């Protein structure tokens, strides 16, 4: 039997991983929209290795669409996935993992506790390089120059 909570406070965890370097970065935002995605892109841009270019796999979420609202840093390129193809997005496995291991069947009393739970879940994930590589690596997504 699962715990049920009828309150409606929520947050959105925006995350990105580099399985090759086994690193990741995330932001916790109050909404999932273009403004939040811009903050996430800005944070990713600060974490890209000097001289490197990050290819960010994006699904069809509305806040992933360019449409003039996203500000993509020069060291990031967005790679849109075909519609209805979550199996191609490695981050879907990450969200499933975090929901199943750190963020499900729990109730938090305050908004700040929700934010802290998301931050703790993300820190748990990125503290284990083997976990990052096993969950986020896709052979087809590797580019060697």
N, C-alpha and C. Protein backbone atom coordinates (compact mmCIF):
# COMPACT_ATOMS: atom_id res chain seq x y z
N UNK A 1 0.84 -1.17 0.00
CA UNK A 1 0.00 0.00 0.00
C UNK A 1 0.89 1.24 0.00
N UNK A 2 0.61 2.15 -0.88
CA UNK A 2 1.41 3.37 -1.02
C UNK A 2 0.79 4.52 -0.24
N UNK A 3 1.65 5.40 0.21
CA UNK A 3 1.20 6.61 0.89
C UNK A 3 0.59 7.55 -0.14
N UNK A 4 -0.50 8.20 0.23
CA UNK A 4 -1.15 9.12 -0.70
C UNK A 4 -1.21 10.50 -0.06
N UNK A 5 -0.90 11.50 -0.88
CA UNK A 5 -0.92 12.88 -0.42
C UNK A 5 -1.69 13.69 -1.45
N UNK A 6 -2.69 14.42 -1.03
CA UNK A 6 -3.53 15.17 -1.96
C UNK A 6 -3.11 16.62 -2.12
N UNK A 7 -2.03 17.02 -1.48
CA UNK A 7 -1.54 18.38 -1.67
C UNK A 7 -0.95 18.48 -3.06
N UNK A 8 -0.74 19.70 -3.54
CA UNK A 8 -0.34 19.87 -4.92
C UNK A 8 0.98 20.61 -5.12
N UNK A 9 1.78 20.76 -4.10
CA UNK A 9 3.10 21.37 -4.32
C UNK A 9 3.98 20.38 -5.07
N UNK A 10 4.74 20.89 -6.01
CA UNK A 10 5.66 20.04 -6.74
C UNK A 10 6.81 20.89 -7.27
N UNK A 11 7.85 20.21 -7.66
CA UNK A 11 9.01 20.85 -8.28
C UNK A 11 9.40 20.00 -9.48
N UNK A 12 10.28 20.56 -10.29
CA UNK A 12 10.76 19.86 -11.47
C UNK A 12 12.28 19.78 -11.41
N UNK A 13 12.77 18.57 -11.54
CA UNK A 13 14.21 18.33 -11.54
C UNK A 13 14.67 18.23 -12.98
N UNK A 14 15.47 19.19 -13.40
CA UNK A 14 16.06 19.20 -14.74
C UNK A 14 17.47 18.67 -14.58
N UNK A 15 17.83 17.60 -15.28
CA UNK A 15 19.15 17.04 -15.12
C UNK A 15 19.77 16.63 -16.44
N UNK A 16 21.08 16.59 -16.45
CA UNK A 16 21.83 16.14 -17.62
C UNK A 16 23.05 15.36 -17.13
N UNK A 17 23.38 14.31 -17.84
CA UNK A 17 24.54 13.48 -17.49
C UNK A 17 25.46 13.34 -18.69
N UNK A 18 26.74 13.22 -18.40
CA UNK A 18 27.73 12.85 -19.40
C UNK A 18 28.28 11.49 -18.97
N UNK A 19 27.82 10.40 -19.58
CA UNK A 19 28.28 9.09 -19.15
C UNK A 19 29.77 8.86 -19.39
N UNK A 20 30.32 9.51 -20.40
CA UNK A 20 31.74 9.34 -20.69
C UNK A 20 32.61 9.90 -19.56
N UNK A 21 32.28 11.09 -19.09
CA UNK A 21 33.02 11.71 -17.99
C UNK A 21 32.44 11.32 -16.64
N UNK A 22 31.26 10.67 -16.63
CA UNK A 22 30.55 10.25 -15.42
C UNK A 22 30.30 11.44 -14.49
N UNK A 23 29.78 12.51 -15.08
CA UNK A 23 29.43 13.70 -14.32
C UNK A 23 28.01 14.12 -14.72
N UNK A 24 27.44 14.97 -13.92
CA UNK A 24 26.12 15.48 -14.24
C UNK A 24 25.86 16.78 -13.53
N UNK A 25 24.84 17.46 -13.99
CA UNK A 25 24.42 18.70 -13.36
C UNK A 25 22.91 18.78 -13.42
N UNK A 26 22.35 19.49 -12.46
CA UNK A 26 20.89 19.60 -12.40
C UNK A 26 20.49 20.90 -11.73
N UNK A 27 19.26 21.29 -12.01
CA UNK A 27 18.63 22.40 -11.30
C UNK A 27 17.23 21.94 -10.91
N UNK A 28 16.76 22.43 -9.79
CA UNK A 28 15.40 22.17 -9.33
C UNK A 28 14.63 23.46 -9.53
N UNK A 29 13.52 23.35 -10.26
CA UNK A 29 12.76 24.54 -10.64
C UNK A 29 11.30 24.40 -10.22
N UNK A 30 10.62 25.53 -10.01
CA UNK A 30 9.21 25.48 -9.60
C UNK A 30 8.25 25.19 -10.76
N UNK A 31 8.73 25.28 -12.00
CA UNK A 31 7.87 25.04 -13.16
C UNK A 31 8.70 24.41 -14.27
N UNK A 32 8.02 23.73 -15.18
CA UNK A 32 8.67 23.17 -16.37
C UNK A 32 8.25 24.02 -17.55
N UNK A 33 9.13 24.95 -17.92
CA UNK A 33 8.83 25.85 -19.02
C UNK A 33 10.14 26.31 -19.65
N UNK A 34 10.05 27.18 -20.64
CA UNK A 34 11.25 27.63 -21.35
C UNK A 34 12.20 28.38 -20.44
N UNK A 35 11.67 29.17 -19.51
CA UNK A 35 12.54 29.91 -18.59
C UNK A 35 13.35 28.95 -17.73
N UNK A 36 12.71 27.90 -17.23
CA UNK A 36 13.42 26.90 -16.43
C UNK A 36 14.46 26.17 -17.27
N UNK A 37 14.08 25.82 -18.50
CA UNK A 37 15.01 25.14 -19.40
C UNK A 37 16.21 26.03 -19.70
N UNK A 38 16.01 27.33 -19.84
CA UNK A 38 17.13 28.24 -20.07
C UNK A 38 18.09 28.23 -18.89
N UNK A 39 17.57 28.18 -17.68
CA UNK A 39 18.44 28.10 -16.50
C UNK A 39 19.23 26.79 -16.52
N UNK A 40 18.55 25.73 -16.91
CA UNK A 40 19.21 24.43 -16.99
C UNK A 40 20.31 24.44 -18.06
N UNK A 41 20.01 25.00 -19.22
CA UNK A 41 21.02 25.09 -20.29
C UNK A 41 22.22 25.92 -19.84
N UNK A 42 21.94 27.00 -19.15
CA UNK A 42 23.03 27.85 -18.65
C UNK A 42 23.93 27.05 -17.69
N UNK A 43 23.31 26.26 -16.80
CA UNK A 43 24.08 25.44 -15.86
C UNK A 43 24.87 24.36 -16.59
N UNK A 44 24.27 23.70 -17.56
CA UNK A 44 24.99 22.69 -18.32
C UNK A 44 26.19 23.33 -19.00
N UNK A 45 25.98 24.49 -19.60
CA UNK A 45 27.07 25.18 -20.29
C UNK A 45 28.27 25.45 -19.41
N UNK A 46 28.05 25.67 -18.12
CA UNK A 46 29.19 25.91 -17.20
C UNK A 46 29.94 24.63 -16.89
N UNK A 47 29.34 23.47 -17.17
CA UNK A 47 29.94 22.19 -16.80
C UNK A 47 30.61 21.46 -17.97
N UNK A 48 30.44 21.98 -19.17
CA UNK A 48 31.05 21.35 -20.34
C UNK A 48 32.56 21.56 -20.27
N UNK A 49 33.31 20.51 -20.57
CA UNK A 49 34.77 20.60 -20.53
C UNK A 49 35.24 21.71 -21.49
N UNK A 50 36.28 22.44 -21.09
CA UNK A 50 36.80 23.52 -21.96
C UNK A 50 37.15 22.99 -23.35
N UNK A 51 36.70 23.69 -24.37
CA UNK A 51 36.97 23.31 -25.74
C UNK A 51 36.07 22.22 -26.28
N UNK A 52 35.17 21.68 -25.46
CA UNK A 52 34.28 20.60 -25.87
C UNK A 52 32.92 21.15 -26.28
N UNK A 53 32.17 20.31 -26.93
CA UNK A 53 30.81 20.63 -27.33
C UNK A 53 29.90 19.55 -26.77
N UNK A 54 28.87 19.94 -26.04
CA UNK A 54 27.93 18.98 -25.48
C UNK A 54 26.76 18.82 -26.43
N UNK A 55 26.40 17.58 -26.72
CA UNK A 55 25.21 17.28 -27.49
C UNK A 55 24.15 16.83 -26.51
N UNK A 56 23.11 17.62 -26.40
CA UNK A 56 22.06 17.38 -25.42
C UNK A 56 20.86 16.76 -26.10
N UNK A 57 20.57 15.50 -25.75
CA UNK A 57 19.42 14.78 -26.30
C UNK A 57 18.16 15.35 -25.67
N UNK A 58 17.21 15.77 -26.50
CA UNK A 58 15.96 16.36 -26.01
C UNK A 58 14.77 15.65 -26.63
N UNK A 59 13.77 15.39 -25.81
CA UNK A 59 12.55 14.79 -26.35
C UNK A 59 11.60 15.89 -26.79
N UNK A 60 10.35 15.57 -26.99
CA UNK A 60 9.40 16.52 -27.53
C UNK A 60 8.72 17.42 -26.52
N UNK A 61 9.22 17.46 -25.28
CA UNK A 61 8.60 18.32 -24.27
C UNK A 61 8.55 19.76 -24.77
N UNK A 62 7.50 20.45 -24.46
CA UNK A 62 7.32 21.81 -24.92
C UNK A 62 8.45 22.74 -24.54
N UNK A 63 9.04 22.53 -23.37
CA UNK A 63 10.14 23.40 -22.92
C UNK A 63 11.47 23.02 -23.55
N UNK A 64 11.51 21.99 -24.38
CA UNK A 64 12.73 21.62 -25.11
C UNK A 64 12.76 22.21 -26.51
N UNK A 65 11.69 22.87 -26.91
CA UNK A 65 11.58 23.37 -28.28
C UNK A 65 12.27 24.72 -28.43
N UNK A 66 12.98 24.87 -29.52
CA UNK A 66 13.69 26.13 -29.77
C UNK A 66 12.70 27.28 -29.92
N UNK A 67 11.96 27.36 -30.96
CA UNK A 67 10.90 28.34 -31.13
C UNK A 67 11.19 29.76 -30.67
N UNK A 68 12.43 30.16 -30.60
CA UNK A 68 12.78 31.51 -30.22
C UNK A 68 12.83 31.78 -28.73
N UNK A 69 12.44 30.82 -27.90
CA UNK A 69 12.41 31.05 -26.46
C UNK A 69 13.64 30.50 -25.73
N UNK A 70 14.29 29.52 -26.32
CA UNK A 70 15.46 28.94 -25.65
C UNK A 70 16.72 29.70 -26.03
N UNK A 71 17.56 29.88 -25.02
CA UNK A 71 18.87 30.49 -25.23
C UNK A 71 19.89 29.37 -25.02
N UNK A 72 20.43 28.87 -26.12
CA UNK A 72 21.34 27.72 -26.07
C UNK A 72 22.78 28.25 -26.08
N UNK A 73 23.54 27.93 -25.02
CA UNK A 73 24.95 28.37 -24.99
C UNK A 73 25.72 27.84 -26.20
N UNK A 74 26.79 28.53 -26.55
CA UNK A 74 27.58 28.17 -27.73
C UNK A 74 28.23 26.79 -27.62
N UNK A 75 28.40 26.27 -26.40
CA UNK A 75 29.05 24.98 -26.23
C UNK A 75 28.06 23.82 -26.10
N UNK A 76 26.80 24.07 -26.48
CA UNK A 76 25.75 23.04 -26.43
C UNK A 76 25.02 23.00 -27.77
N UNK A 77 24.75 21.78 -28.24
CA UNK A 77 23.91 21.56 -29.42
C UNK A 77 22.76 20.67 -28.98
N UNK A 78 21.54 21.04 -29.34
CA UNK A 78 20.38 20.22 -29.01
C UNK A 78 20.15 19.19 -30.10
N UNK A 79 19.92 17.95 -29.69
CA UNK A 79 19.61 16.85 -30.61
C UNK A 79 18.18 16.40 -30.32
N UNK A 80 17.22 16.86 -31.14
CA UNK A 80 15.83 16.47 -30.89
C UNK A 80 15.59 15.02 -31.29
N UNK A 81 14.83 14.33 -30.47
CA UNK A 81 14.46 12.94 -30.76
C UNK A 81 13.17 12.91 -31.56
N UNK A 82 12.95 11.82 -32.29
CA UNK A 82 11.66 11.68 -32.99
C UNK A 82 10.52 11.60 -31.97
N UNK A 83 9.31 11.98 -32.38
CA UNK A 83 8.17 11.89 -31.46
C UNK A 83 7.95 10.46 -30.97
N UNK A 84 7.46 10.36 -29.75
CA UNK A 84 7.07 9.08 -29.16
C UNK A 84 8.21 8.06 -29.14
N UNK A 85 9.39 8.53 -28.72
CA UNK A 85 10.54 7.61 -28.66
C UNK A 85 11.30 7.75 -27.34
N UNK A 86 10.62 7.59 -26.20
CA UNK A 86 11.31 7.76 -24.92
C UNK A 86 12.45 6.77 -24.72
N UNK A 87 12.40 5.63 -25.42
CA UNK A 87 13.47 4.64 -25.28
C UNK A 87 14.81 5.15 -25.80
N UNK A 88 14.77 6.20 -26.62
CA UNK A 88 16.01 6.78 -27.14
C UNK A 88 16.61 7.82 -26.20
N UNK A 89 15.87 8.23 -25.20
CA UNK A 89 16.33 9.27 -24.29
C UNK A 89 16.89 8.63 -23.02
N UNK A 90 18.22 8.64 -22.83
CA UNK A 90 18.81 8.02 -21.65
C UNK A 90 18.30 8.61 -20.34
N UNK A 91 17.90 9.87 -20.34
CA UNK A 91 17.43 10.48 -19.10
C UNK A 91 16.13 9.87 -18.62
N UNK A 92 15.35 9.26 -19.50
CA UNK A 92 14.13 8.59 -19.04
C UNK A 92 14.48 7.47 -18.06
N UNK A 93 15.59 6.76 -18.31
CA UNK A 93 16.04 5.73 -17.38
C UNK A 93 16.46 6.33 -16.04
N UNK A 94 17.06 7.50 -16.10
CA UNK A 94 17.49 8.19 -14.88
C UNK A 94 16.26 8.56 -14.04
N UNK A 95 15.25 9.13 -14.69
CA UNK A 95 14.05 9.53 -13.94
C UNK A 95 13.36 8.31 -13.36
N UNK A 96 13.29 7.22 -14.12
CA UNK A 96 12.71 5.98 -13.59
C UNK A 96 13.49 5.49 -12.38
N UNK A 97 14.81 5.53 -12.48
CA UNK A 97 15.66 5.08 -11.37
C UNK A 97 15.43 5.94 -10.12
N UNK A 98 15.45 7.25 -10.28
CA UNK A 98 15.28 8.13 -9.12
C UNK A 98 13.89 7.98 -8.51
N UNK A 99 12.87 7.88 -9.34
CA UNK A 99 11.52 7.67 -8.80
C UNK A 99 11.44 6.36 -8.04
N UNK A 100 12.05 5.33 -8.59
CA UNK A 100 11.97 4.02 -7.96
C UNK A 100 12.82 3.85 -6.72
N UNK A 101 13.87 4.66 -6.58
CA UNK A 101 14.80 4.45 -5.48
C UNK A 101 14.89 5.59 -4.47
N UNK A 102 14.50 6.79 -4.86
CA UNK A 102 14.69 7.93 -3.96
C UNK A 102 13.48 8.84 -3.82
N UNK A 103 12.58 8.83 -4.78
CA UNK A 103 11.54 9.86 -4.78
C UNK A 103 10.10 9.32 -4.81
N UNK A 104 9.92 8.05 -4.56
CA UNK A 104 8.55 7.53 -4.58
C UNK A 104 8.11 7.09 -3.19
N UNK A 105 6.79 7.03 -3.02
CA UNK A 105 6.17 6.56 -1.77
C UNK A 105 6.66 7.34 -0.56
N UNK A 106 6.77 8.65 -0.74
CA UNK A 106 7.18 9.51 0.36
C UNK A 106 6.29 10.75 0.37
N UNK A 107 6.15 11.33 1.54
CA UNK A 107 5.41 12.58 1.68
C UNK A 107 6.32 13.58 2.37
N UNK A 108 6.36 14.77 1.80
CA UNK A 108 7.13 15.84 2.40
C UNK A 108 6.16 16.90 2.90
N UNK A 109 6.50 17.51 4.01
CA UNK A 109 5.59 18.48 4.62
C UNK A 109 5.65 19.87 4.01
N UNK A 110 6.80 20.22 3.44
CA UNK A 110 6.95 21.58 2.91
C UNK A 110 7.55 21.55 1.52
N UNK A 111 7.38 22.65 0.83
CA UNK A 111 7.98 22.83 -0.49
C UNK A 111 9.50 22.68 -0.40
N UNK A 112 10.10 23.30 0.61
CA UNK A 112 11.56 23.22 0.77
C UNK A 112 12.04 21.78 0.97
N UNK A 113 11.24 20.97 1.64
CA UNK A 113 11.60 19.55 1.81
C UNK A 113 11.56 18.81 0.47
N UNK A 114 10.63 19.18 -0.40
CA UNK A 114 10.57 18.57 -1.73
C UNK A 114 11.83 18.93 -2.52
N UNK A 115 12.19 20.22 -2.48
CA UNK A 115 13.40 20.67 -3.17
C UNK A 115 14.61 19.93 -2.63
N UNK A 116 14.73 19.83 -1.33
CA UNK A 116 15.88 19.15 -0.72
C UNK A 116 15.90 17.66 -1.08
N UNK A 117 14.74 17.02 -1.14
CA UNK A 117 14.67 15.60 -1.52
C UNK A 117 15.17 15.41 -2.95
N UNK A 118 14.79 16.31 -3.85
CA UNK A 118 15.27 16.23 -5.24
C UNK A 118 16.77 16.43 -5.30
N UNK A 119 17.27 17.42 -4.56
CA UNK A 119 18.71 17.68 -4.54
C UNK A 119 19.47 16.48 -3.98
N UNK A 120 18.96 15.90 -2.91
CA UNK A 120 19.61 14.72 -2.32
C UNK A 120 19.59 13.53 -3.28
N UNK A 121 18.47 13.33 -3.96
CA UNK A 121 18.37 12.23 -4.93
C UNK A 121 19.40 12.42 -6.04
N UNK A 122 19.53 13.65 -6.53
CA UNK A 122 20.50 13.91 -7.59
C UNK A 122 21.92 13.70 -7.09
N UNK A 123 22.24 14.18 -5.90
CA UNK A 123 23.59 13.98 -5.33
C UNK A 123 23.89 12.49 -5.16
N UNK A 124 22.89 11.71 -4.74
CA UNK A 124 23.05 10.27 -4.62
C UNK A 124 23.43 9.66 -5.97
N UNK A 125 22.73 10.08 -7.01
CA UNK A 125 22.99 9.55 -8.35
C UNK A 125 24.40 9.89 -8.82
N UNK A 126 24.79 11.14 -8.74
CA UNK A 126 26.07 11.54 -9.33
C UNK A 126 27.27 11.18 -8.45
N UNK A 127 27.03 10.69 -7.25
CA UNK A 127 28.13 10.26 -6.39
C UNK A 127 28.71 8.91 -6.82
N UNK A 128 28.02 8.21 -7.70
CA UNK A 128 28.45 6.87 -8.11
C UNK A 128 28.67 6.85 -9.63
N UNK A 129 29.93 6.92 -10.04
CA UNK A 129 30.25 7.00 -11.47
C UNK A 129 29.78 5.75 -12.22
N UNK A 130 29.86 4.59 -11.59
CA UNK A 130 29.39 3.37 -12.25
C UNK A 130 27.89 3.42 -12.51
N UNK A 131 27.13 4.00 -11.58
CA UNK A 131 25.70 4.13 -11.75
C UNK A 131 25.39 5.06 -12.93
N UNK A 132 26.10 6.17 -13.01
CA UNK A 132 25.89 7.10 -14.12
C UNK A 132 26.13 6.39 -15.44
N UNK A 133 27.25 5.70 -15.52
CA UNK A 133 27.60 5.03 -16.79
C UNK A 133 26.61 3.93 -17.13
N UNK A 134 26.15 3.17 -16.15
CA UNK A 134 25.25 2.06 -16.45
C UNK A 134 23.85 2.54 -16.84
N UNK A 135 23.40 3.62 -16.27
CA UNK A 135 22.06 4.11 -16.56
C UNK A 135 22.02 4.96 -17.82
N UNK A 136 23.03 5.81 -18.02
CA UNK A 136 22.94 6.83 -19.07
C UNK A 136 23.70 6.51 -20.36
N UNK A 137 24.54 5.51 -20.37
CA UNK A 137 25.34 5.23 -21.56
C UNK A 137 24.50 4.60 -22.66
N UNK A 138 24.69 5.10 -23.86
CA UNK A 138 24.07 4.52 -25.06
C UNK A 138 25.17 4.42 -26.11
N UNK A 139 25.45 3.21 -26.56
CA UNK A 139 26.50 3.01 -27.55
C UNK A 139 26.27 3.85 -28.80
N UNK A 140 25.03 3.94 -29.25
CA UNK A 140 24.72 4.68 -30.45
C UNK A 140 24.94 6.19 -30.30
N UNK A 141 25.00 6.66 -29.06
CA UNK A 141 25.14 8.11 -28.83
C UNK A 141 26.59 8.55 -28.66
N UNK A 142 27.53 7.64 -28.79
CA UNK A 142 28.95 7.98 -28.60
C UNK A 142 29.53 8.51 -29.90
N UNK A 143 30.23 9.60 -29.79
CA UNK A 143 30.89 10.21 -30.94
C UNK A 143 32.36 10.32 -30.62
N UNK A 144 33.18 9.72 -31.44
CA UNK A 144 34.64 9.80 -31.25
C UNK A 144 35.23 10.55 -32.44
N UNK A 145 35.97 11.58 -32.12
CA UNK A 145 36.60 12.38 -33.18
C UNK A 145 38.10 12.16 -33.16
